[in-house]
PDB file of N, CA and C in Angstrom:
ATOM      1  N   MET A   1      40.358  -0.155  17.437  1.00  0.00           N
ATOM      2  CA  MET A   1      38.766   0.040  17.462  1.00  0.00           C
ATOM      3  C   MET A   1      39.575   1.105  19.043  1.00  0.00           C
ATOM      4  N   LYS A   2      38.413   2.391  18.808  1.00  0.00           N
ATOM      5  CA  LYS A   2      38.311   3.105  20.016  1.00  0.00           C
ATOM      6  C   LYS A   2      37.364   2.935  21.037  1.00  0.00           C
ATOM      7  N   ALA A   3      37.962   3.024  22.349  1.00  0.00           N
ATOM      8  CA  ALA A   3      36.841   2.707  23.508  1.00  0.00           C
ATOM      9  C   ALA A   3      36.198   3.427  23.721  1.00  0.00           C
ATOM     10  N   SER A   4      34.701   2.789  23.921  1.00  0.00           N
ATOM     11  CA  SER A   4      33.958   3.611  24.224  1.00  0.00           C
ATOM     12  C   SER A   4      33.113   4.498  23.050  1.00  0.00           C
ATOM     13  N   ILE A   5      33.214   4.276  21.905  1.00  0.00           N
ATOM     14  CA  ILE A   5      32.460   4.893  21.087  1.00  0.00           C
ATOM     15  C   ILE A   5      31.680   3.975  20.360  1.00  0.00           C
ATOM     16  N   HIS A   6      31.775   2.875  20.258  1.00  0.00           N
ATOM     17  CA  HIS A   6      30.678   1.790  20.004  1.00  0.00           C
ATOM     18  C   HIS A   6      29.787   1.491  20.877  1.00  0.00           C
ATOM     19  N   PRO A   7      28.467   0.939  19.954  1.00  0.00           N
ATOM     20  CA  PRO A   7      27.474   0.420  21.208  1.00  0.00           C
ATOM     21  C   PRO A   7      27.833  -0.803  20.957  1.00  0.00           C
ATOM     22  N   GLU A   8      26.733  -1.055  22.405  1.00  0.00           N
ATOM     23  CA  GLU A   8      27.154  -2.562  22.897  1.00  0.00           C
ATOM     24  C   GLU A   8      26.418  -3.752  22.050  1.00  0.00           C
ATOM     25  N   TYR A   9      26.920  -4.338  21.773  1.00  0.00           N
ATOM     26  CA  TYR A   9      27.054  -5.949  20.771  1.00  0.00           C
ATOM     27  C   TYR A   9      26.610  -6.812  21.134  1.00  0.00           C
ATOM     28  N   HIS A  10      25.147  -7.470  21.834  1.00  0.00           N
ATOM     29  CA  HIS A  10      25.273  -8.339  22.366  1.00  0.00           C
ATOM     30  C   HIS A  10      23.777  -9.478  21.740  1.00  0.00           C
ATOM     31  N   GLU A  11      23.326 -10.154  22.312  1.00  0.00           N
ATOM     32  CA  GLU A  11      22.141 -11.514  22.194  1.00  0.00           C
ATOM     33  C   GLU A  11      21.023 -10.775  22.509  1.00  0.00           C
ATOM     34  N   VAL A  12      19.980 -10.929  21.479  1.00  0.00           N
ATOM     35  CA  VAL A  12      18.967 -10.218  22.083  1.00  0.00           C
ATOM     36  C   VAL A  12      17.557 -11.831  21.466  1.00  0.00           C
ATOM     37  N   VAL A  13      16.608 -11.440  21.816  1.00  0.00           N
ATOM     38  CA  VAL A  13      15.686 -12.342  21.407  1.00  0.00           C
ATOM     39  C   VAL A  13      14.562 -11.880  20.396  1.00  0.00           C
ATOM     40  N   PHE A  14      14.563 -12.179  19.503  1.00  0.00           N
ATOM     41  CA  PHE A  14      13.292 -11.707  18.570  1.00  0.00           C
ATOM     42  C   PHE A  14      12.087 -12.759  18.616  1.00  0.00           C
ATOM     43  N   LEU A  15      10.819 -11.864  18.631  1.00  0.00           N
ATOM     44  CA  LEU A  15       9.543 -12.608  18.997  1.00  0.00           C
ATOM     45  C   LEU A  15       8.858 -12.021  17.688  1.00  0.00           C
ATOM     46  N   ASP A  16       8.225 -13.247  16.545  1.00  0.00           N
ATOM     47  CA  ASP A  16       7.218 -12.883  15.725  1.00  0.00           C
ATOM     48  C   ASP A  16       5.545 -12.698  16.071  1.00  0.00           C
ATOM     49  N   GLN A  17       5.214 -12.013  16.400  1.00  0.00           N
ATOM     50  CA  GLN A  17       3.925 -11.645  16.726  1.00  0.00           C
ATOM     51  C   GLN A  17       3.104 -12.611  16.369  1.00  0.00           C
ATOM     52  N   GLN A  18       3.026 -12.020  15.102  1.00  0.00           N
ATOM     53  CA  GLN A  18       1.854 -13.430  13.984  1.00  0.00           C
ATOM     54  C   GLN A  18       2.130 -14.677  14.467  1.00  0.00           C
ATOM     55  N   THR A  19       3.117 -15.626  14.288  1.00  0.00           N
ATOM     56  CA  THR A  19       3.564 -16.559  14.570  1.00  0.00           C
ATOM     57  C   THR A  19       3.684 -17.481  16.110  1.00  0.00           C
ATOM     58  N   GLY A  20       4.596 -16.157  17.044  1.00  0.00           N
ATOM     59  CA  GLY A  20       5.154 -16.605  18.153  1.00  0.00           C
ATOM     60  C   GLY A  20       6.237 -17.359  18.269  1.00  0.00           C
ATOM     61  N   THR A  21       6.961 -17.852  16.825  1.00  0.00           N
ATOM     62  CA  THR A  21       8.310 -18.332  16.813  1.00  0.00           C
ATOM     63  C   THR A  21       9.577 -16.729  17.065  1.00  0.00           C
ATOM     64  N   LYS A  22      10.254 -17.483  18.550  1.00  0.00           N
ATOM     65  CA  LYS A  22      11.366 -16.751  18.770  1.00  0.00           C
ATOM     66  C   LYS A  22      12.819 -17.262  17.775  1.00  0.00           C
ATOM     67  N   PHE A  23      13.426 -16.026  17.813  1.00  0.00           N
ATOM     68  CA  PHE A  23      15.441 -16.641  17.854  1.00  0.00           C
ATOM     69  C   PHE A  23      15.714 -15.564  18.356  1.00  0.00           C
ATOM     70  N   ILE A  24      17.032 -16.047  18.336  1.00  0.00           N
ATOM     71  CA  ILE A  24      18.538 -15.208  18.896  1.00  0.00           C
ATOM     72  C   ILE A  24      19.065 -14.730  18.053  1.00  0.00           C
ATOM     73  N   SER A  25      19.489 -13.534  18.205  1.00  0.00           N
ATOM     74  CA  SER A  25      20.345 -13.072  17.345  1.00  0.00           C
ATOM     75  C   SER A  25      21.407 -12.244  17.767  1.00  0.00           C
ATOM     76  N   ARG A  26      22.308 -11.043  17.081  1.00  0.00           N
ATOM     77  CA  ARG A  26      23.314 -10.605  18.146  1.00  0.00           C
ATOM     78  C   ARG A  26      22.668  -9.188  17.189  1.00  0.00           C
ATOM     79  N   SER A  27      22.554  -8.169  18.232  1.00  0.00           N
ATOM     80  CA  SER A  27      22.232  -7.028  18.009  1.00  0.00           C
ATOM     81  C   SER A  27      22.900  -5.309  18.878  1.00  0.00           C
ATOM     82  N   THR A  28      22.632  -4.262  18.429  1.00  0.00           N
ATOM     83  CA  THR A  28      22.644  -3.027  19.413  1.00  0.00           C
ATOM     84  C   THR A  28      21.638  -3.091  20.140  1.00  0.00           C
ATOM     85  N   LEU A  29      20.418  -3.373  19.443  1.00  0.00           N
ATOM     86  CA  LEU A  29      19.059  -3.102  19.967  1.00  0.00           C
ATOM     87  C   LEU A  29      18.690  -3.219  21.781  1.00  0.00           C
ATOM     88  N   ASN A  30      18.715  -2.104  22.366  1.00  0.00           N
ATOM     89  CA  ASN A  30      18.141  -1.920  23.562  1.00  0.00           C
ATOM     90  C   ASN A  30      17.005  -1.868  24.092  1.00  0.00           C
ATOM     91  N   SER A  31      16.129  -2.867  24.575  1.00  0.00           N
ATOM     92  CA  SER A  31      14.642  -2.765  25.044  1.00  0.00           C
ATOM     93  C   SER A  31      14.182  -2.815  26.481  1.00  0.00           C
ATOM     94  N   ARG A  32      13.623  -2.247  27.202  1.00  0.00           N
ATOM     95  CA  ARG A  32      12.623  -2.623  28.550  1.00  0.00           C
ATOM     96  C   ARG A  32      12.267  -3.717  28.651  1.00  0.00           C
ATOM     97  N   GLU A  33      11.750  -4.511  27.677  1.00  0.00           N
ATOM     98  CA  GLU A  33      11.264  -5.945  27.946  1.00  0.00           C
ATOM     99  C   GLU A  33      12.108  -7.222  28.075  1.00  0.00           C
ATOM    100  N   THR A  34      12.384  -8.125  28.809  1.00  0.00           N
ATOM    101  CA  THR A  34      13.282  -9.282  28.706  1.00  0.00           C
ATOM    102  C   THR A  34      12.373 -10.250  28.736  1.00  0.00           C
ATOM    103  N   VAL A  35      13.295 -10.909  28.070  1.00  0.00           N
ATOM    104  CA  VAL A  35      12.509 -13.247  28.200  1.00  0.00           C
ATOM    105  C   VAL A  35      13.311 -13.956  29.032  1.00  0.00           C
ATOM    106  N   GLU A  36      13.255 -14.762  29.544  1.00  0.00           N
ATOM    107  CA  GLU A  36      14.129 -16.106  30.119  1.00  0.00           C
ATOM    108  C   GLU A  36      13.821 -16.746  28.615  1.00  0.00           C
ATOM    109  N   LEU A  37      14.672 -17.262  28.437  1.00  0.00           N
ATOM    110  CA  LEU A  37      14.936 -18.493  27.342  1.00  0.00           C
ATOM    111  C   LEU A  37      16.179 -19.376  27.197  1.00  0.00           C
ATOM    112  N   ASP A  38      15.914 -20.771  27.664  1.00  0.00           N
ATOM    113  CA  ASP A  38      17.569 -21.562  27.859  1.00  0.00           C
ATOM    114  C   ASP A  38      17.845 -20.992  29.475  1.00  0.00           C
ATOM    115  N   GLY A  39      17.157 -20.528  30.277  1.00  0.00           N
ATOM    116  CA  GLY A  39      17.842 -20.194  31.384  1.00  0.00           C
ATOM    117  C   GLY A  39      18.552 -19.345  31.583  1.00  0.00           C
ATOM    118  N   LYS A  40      18.775 -18.290  30.697  1.00  0.00           N
ATOM    119  CA  LYS A  40      19.514 -17.123  30.281  1.00  0.00           C
ATOM    120  C   LYS A  40      18.296 -16.147  30.133  1.00  0.00           C
ATOM    121  N   THR A  41      18.814 -14.844  30.723  1.00  0.00           N
ATOM    122  CA  THR A  41      17.730 -13.260  30.510  1.00  0.00           C
ATOM    123  C   THR A  41      18.540 -12.624  29.375  1.00  0.00           C
ATOM    124  N   TYR A  42      17.406 -12.372  28.149  1.00  0.00           N
ATOM    125  CA  TYR A  42      17.744 -11.749  27.022  1.00  0.00           C
ATOM    126  C   TYR A  42      16.990 -10.636  26.900  1.00  0.00           C
ATOM    127  N   PRO A  43      17.297  -9.260  26.362  1.00  0.00           N
ATOM    128  CA  PRO A  43      16.732  -8.274  25.719  1.00  0.00           C
ATOM    129  C   PRO A  43      15.569  -8.907  24.717  1.00  0.00           C
ATOM    130  N   LEU A  44      13.763  -8.441  24.733  1.00  0.00           N
ATOM    131  CA  LEU A  44      13.134  -9.014  23.910  1.00  0.00           C
ATOM    132  C   LEU A  44      12.490  -7.857  22.705  1.00  0.00           C
ATOM    133  N   PHE A  45      12.824  -8.310  21.852  1.00  0.00           N
ATOM    134  CA  PHE A  45      12.147  -7.323  21.011  1.00  0.00           C
ATOM    135  C   PHE A  45      10.992  -7.868  19.564  1.00  0.00           C
ATOM    136  N   LYS A  46       9.837  -7.641  19.714  1.00  0.00           N
ATOM    137  CA  LYS A  46       8.827  -7.594  19.688  1.00  0.00           C
ATOM    138  C   LYS A  46       8.564  -7.148  17.792  1.00  0.00           C
ATOM    139  N   CYS A  47       8.671  -8.527  17.105  1.00  0.00           N
ATOM    140  CA  CYS A  47       8.873  -8.028  15.175  1.00  0.00           C
ATOM    141  C   CYS A  47       6.985  -8.109  14.808  1.00  0.00           C
ATOM    142  N   ASP A  48       6.743  -7.195  14.254  1.00  0.00           N
ATOM    143  CA  ASP A  48       5.376  -7.566  13.418  1.00  0.00           C
ATOM    144  C   ASP A  48       5.516  -9.212  12.112  1.00  0.00           C
ATOM    145  N   VAL A  49       6.279  -8.668  11.502  1.00  0.00           N
ATOM    146  CA  VAL A  49       7.145  -9.690  10.447  1.00  0.00           C
ATOM    147  C   VAL A  49       8.448  -9.960  10.168  1.00  0.00           C
ATOM    148  N   THR A  50       8.258 -11.232  10.032  1.00  0.00           N
ATOM    149  CA  THR A  50       9.574 -12.190   9.878  1.00  0.00           C
ATOM    150  C   THR A  50       9.193 -13.123   8.975  1.00  0.00           C
ATOM    151  N   SER A  51      10.858 -13.422   8.267  1.00  0.00           N
ATOM    152  CA  SER A  51      10.529 -14.283   7.150  1.00  0.00           C
ATOM    153  C   SER A  51       9.204 -15.577   7.874  1.00  0.00           C
ATOM    154  N   GLU A  52       9.377 -16.194   8.880  1.00  0.00           N
ATOM    155  CA  GLU A  52       8.332 -16.853   9.172  1.00  0.00           C
ATOM    156  C   GLU A  52       6.921 -16.678   8.635  1.00  0.00           C
ATOM    157  N   SER A  53       6.524 -15.247   8.695  1.00  0.00           N
ATOM    158  CA  SER A  53       5.200 -14.852   8.422  1.00  0.00           C
ATOM    159  C   SER A  53       4.994 -14.373   7.677  1.00  0.00           C
ATOM    160  N   HIS A  54       5.805 -13.834   6.749  1.00  0.00           N
ATOM    161  CA  HIS A  54       5.975 -12.778   5.554  1.00  0.00           C
ATOM    162  C   HIS A  54       5.144 -13.617   4.229  1.00  0.00           C
ATOM    163  N   PRO A  55       4.341 -13.471   3.483  1.00  0.00           N
ATOM    164  CA  PRO A  55       3.574 -14.109   2.403  1.00  0.00           C
ATOM    165  C   PRO A  55       4.900 -14.299   1.607  1.00  0.00           C
ATOM    166  N   PHE A  56       5.782 -13.341   1.027  1.00  0.00           N
ATOM    167  CA  PHE A  56       6.724 -13.592   0.178  1.00  0.00           C
ATOM    168  C   PHE A  56       7.360 -15.073   0.411  1.00  0.00           C
ATOM    169  N   TYR A  57       7.872 -14.756   1.573  1.00  0.00           N
ATOM    170  CA  TYR A  57       8.938 -15.973   1.894  1.00  0.00           C
ATOM    171  C   TYR A  57       8.393 -17.531   2.230  1.00  0.00           C
ATOM    172  N   THR A  58       6.936 -17.326   2.761  1.00  0.00           N
ATOM    173  CA  THR A  58       6.497 -18.605   2.977  1.00  0.00           C
ATOM    174  C   THR A  58       5.627 -19.017   1.772  1.00  0.00           C
ATOM    175  N   GLY A  59       5.365 -18.043   0.366  1.00  0.00           N
ATOM    176  CA  GLY A  59       4.642 -18.776  -0.600  1.00  0.00           C
ATOM    177  C   GLY A  59       3.381 -18.695  -0.540  1.00  0.00           C
ATOM    178  N   ALA A  60       2.744 -18.004  -0.187  1.00  0.00           N
ATOM    179  CA  ALA A  60       1.404 -17.921   0.020  1.00  0.00           C
ATOM    180  C   ALA A  60       1.392 -16.564  -0.761  1.00  0.00           C
ATOM    181  N   GLN A  61       1.692 -15.467  -0.729  1.00  0.00           N
ATOM    182  CA  GLN A  61       1.845 -14.724  -1.626  1.00  0.00           C
ATOM    183  C   GLN A  61       1.609 -14.872  -3.129  1.00  0.00           C
ATOM    184  N   THR A  62       2.509 -15.587  -3.208  1.00  0.00           N
ATOM    185  CA  THR A  62       2.567 -16.802  -5.089  1.00  0.00           C
ATOM    186  C   THR A  62       1.451 -17.435  -5.207  1.00  0.00           C
ATOM    187  N   ARG A  63       0.600 -17.778  -4.966  1.00  0.00           N
ATOM    188  CA  ARG A  63      -1.135 -18.679  -5.240  1.00  0.00           C
ATOM    189  C   ARG A  63      -1.816 -17.090  -5.457  1.00  0.00           C
ATOM    190  N   LEU A  64      -1.925 -16.521  -4.331  1.00  0.00           N
ATOM    191  CA  LEU A  64      -2.991 -15.578  -4.965  1.00  0.00           C
ATOM    192  C   LEU A  64      -2.580 -14.199  -5.761  1.00  0.00           C
ATOM    193  N   VAL A  65      -1.218 -14.409  -5.986  1.00  0.00           N
ATOM    194  CA  VAL A  65      -1.147 -13.119  -7.273  1.00  0.00           C
ATOM    195  C   VAL A  65      -1.242 -14.179  -8.698  1.00  0.00           C
ATOM    196  N   GLU A  66      -0.655 -15.841  -8.792  1.00  0.00           N
ATOM    197  CA  GLU A  66      -1.179 -16.281  -9.673  1.00  0.00           C
ATOM    198  C   GLU A  66      -2.800 -16.195 -10.325  1.00  0.00           C
ATOM    199  N   THR A  67      -3.450 -16.123  -8.861  1.00  0.00           N
ATOM    200  CA  THR A  67      -4.382 -16.570  -9.034  1.00  0.00           C
ATOM    201  C   THR A  67      -5.548 -15.253  -9.405  1.00  0.00           C
ATOM    202  N   GLY A  68      -5.000 -14.633  -8.956  1.00  0.00           N
ATOM    203  CA  GLY A  68      -5.361 -12.758  -9.428  1.00  0.00           C
ATOM    204  C   GLY A  68      -4.914 -12.596 -11.200  1.00  0.00           C
ATOM    205  N   ARG A  69      -3.809 -13.127 -11.636  1.00  0.00           N
ATOM    206  CA  ARG A  69      -3.334 -13.025 -13.049  1.00  0.00           C
ATOM    207  C   ARG A  69      -4.401 -13.780 -13.827  1.00  0.00           C
ATOM    208  N   VAL A  70      -4.423 -15.134 -13.150  1.00  0.00           N
ATOM    209  CA  VAL A  70      -6.225 -15.814 -14.214  1.00  0.00           C
ATOM    210  C   VAL A  70      -6.671 -15.024 -14.371  1.00  0.00           C
ATOM    211  N   GLU A  71      -7.576 -14.447 -13.517  1.00  0.00           N
ATOM    212  CA  GLU A  71      -8.972 -14.123 -13.244  1.00  0.00           C
ATOM    213  C   GLU A  71      -8.967 -12.721 -14.327  1.00  0.00           C
ATOM    214  N   LYS A  72      -7.810 -11.953 -14.130  1.00  0.00           N
ATOM    215  CA  LYS A  72      -7.202 -10.920 -14.915  1.00  0.00           C
ATOM    216  C   LYS A  72      -7.260 -10.993 -16.271  1.00  0.00           C
ATOM    217  N   PHE A  73      -6.819 -11.913 -16.652  1.00  0.00           N
ATOM    218  CA  PHE A  73      -6.605 -12.328 -17.837  1.00  0.00           C
ATOM    219  C   PHE A  73      -7.914 -12.983 -18.861  1.00  0.00           C
ATOM    220  N   ARG A  74      -8.726 -13.851 -17.813  1.00  0.00           N
ATOM    221  CA  ARG A  74      -9.965 -14.166 -18.156  1.00  0.00           C
ATOM    222  C   ARG A  74     -10.743 -13.296 -18.946  1.00  0.00           C
ATOM    223  N   THR A  75     -10.912 -12.381 -17.665  1.00  0.00           N
ATOM    224  CA  THR A  75     -12.184 -11.157 -18.020  1.00  0.00           C
ATOM    225  C   THR A  75     -11.346  -9.997 -18.891  1.00  0.00           C
ATOM    226  N   ARG A  76     -10.334  -9.929 -18.935  1.00  0.00           N
ATOM    227  CA  ARG A  76     -10.196  -9.019 -20.027  1.00  0.00           C
ATOM    228  C   ARG A  76     -10.300  -9.529 -21.332  1.00  0.00           C
ATOM    229  N   PHE A  77      -9.574 -10.750 -21.463  1.00  0.00           N
ATOM    230  CA  PHE A  77      -9.920 -11.425 -22.880  1.00  0.00           C
ATOM    231  C   PHE A  77     -11.564 -11.835 -23.178  1.00  0.00           C
ATOM    232  N   ALA A  78     -12.630 -12.557 -22.418  1.00  0.00           N
ATOM    233  CA  ALA A  78     -13.521 -12.786 -22.214  1.00  0.00           C
ATOM    234  C   ALA A  78     -14.528 -12.435 -23.448  1.00  0.00           C
ATOM    235  N   ARG A  79     -14.240 -10.436 -23.489  1.00  0.00           N
ATOM    236  CA  ARG A  79     -14.717  -9.746 -24.005  1.00  0.00           C
ATOM    237  C   ARG A  79     -14.803  -9.725 -26.048  1.00  0.00           C
ATOM    238  N   THR A  80     -13.297 -10.305 -25.917  1.00  0.00           N
ATOM    239  CA  THR A  80     -12.864 -10.432 -27.271  1.00  0.00           C
ATOM    240  C   THR A  80     -12.785 -11.437 -27.719  1.00  0.00           C
ATOM    241  N   ALA A  81     -13.292 -13.097 -27.102  1.00  0.00           N
ATOM    242  CA  ALA A  81     -13.471 -13.706 -27.494  1.00  0.00           C
ATOM    243  C   ALA A  81     -13.809 -14.684 -28.138  1.00  0.00           C
ATOM    244  N   GLY A  82     -15.359 -13.728 -28.666  1.00  0.00           N
ATOM    245  CA  GLY A  82     -16.480 -14.207 -30.042  1.00  0.00           C
ATOM    246  C   GLY A  82     -16.061 -13.320 -31.236  1.00  0.00           C
ATOM    247  N   THR A  83     -15.437 -12.221 -31.050  1.00  0.00           N
ATOM    248  CA  THR A  83     -15.347 -11.370 -31.959  1.00  0.00           C
ATOM    249  C   THR A  83     -14.071 -11.555 -33.689  1.00  0.00           C
ATOM    250  N   THR A  84     -13.943 -11.395 -34.167  1.00  0.00           N
ATOM    251  CA  THR A  84     -13.486 -11.716 -35.171  1.00  0.00           C
ATOM    252  C   THR A  84     -13.046 -10.210 -36.376  1.00  0.00           C
ATOM    253  N   LYS A  85     -11.907 -10.682 -36.676  1.00  0.00           N
ATOM    254  CA  LYS A  85     -11.684  -9.532 -37.152  1.00  0.00           C
ATOM    255  C   LYS A  85     -11.874  -9.287 -38.696  1.00  0.00           C
ATOM    256  N   LYS A  86     -12.587  -8.106 -39.319  1.00  0.00           N
ATOM    257  CA  LYS A  86     -12.877  -8.565 -40.176  1.00  0.00           C
ATOM    258  C   LYS A  86     -11.863  -8.009 -41.607  1.00  0.00           C
ATOM    259  N   ALA A  87     -11.118  -8.966 -42.399  1.00  0.00           N
ATOM    260  CA  ALA A  87     -10.688  -8.464 -43.816  1.00  0.00           C
ATOM    261  C   ALA A  87     -11.130  -7.433 -44.198  1.00  0.00           C
ATOM    262  N   SER A  88      -9.767  -6.273 -44.657  1.00  0.00           N
ATOM    263  CA  SER A  88     -10.298  -4.980 -45.693  1.00  0.00           C
ATOM    264  C   SER A  88      -9.982  -5.444 -46.887  1.00  0.00           C
TER     265      SER A  88
END
């Protein structure tokens, strides 16, 4: 690899702002904010959504979607439930 053309790859702390969960990963990210974790200082990146808080990964979305589908089905077929077709 050529020297001085690649970004610095280092450990960064990612903070999920909804749950407060912190995890360390490697990244080329540069940040002005820092945080001390386990006695070391790391750059800090604040995430709005991670797998800890996103409804798709937590399963919260599945229940809402299923409930919405059932209600939509009931309202759609509630008006045709009592009617029958006449044979010609």
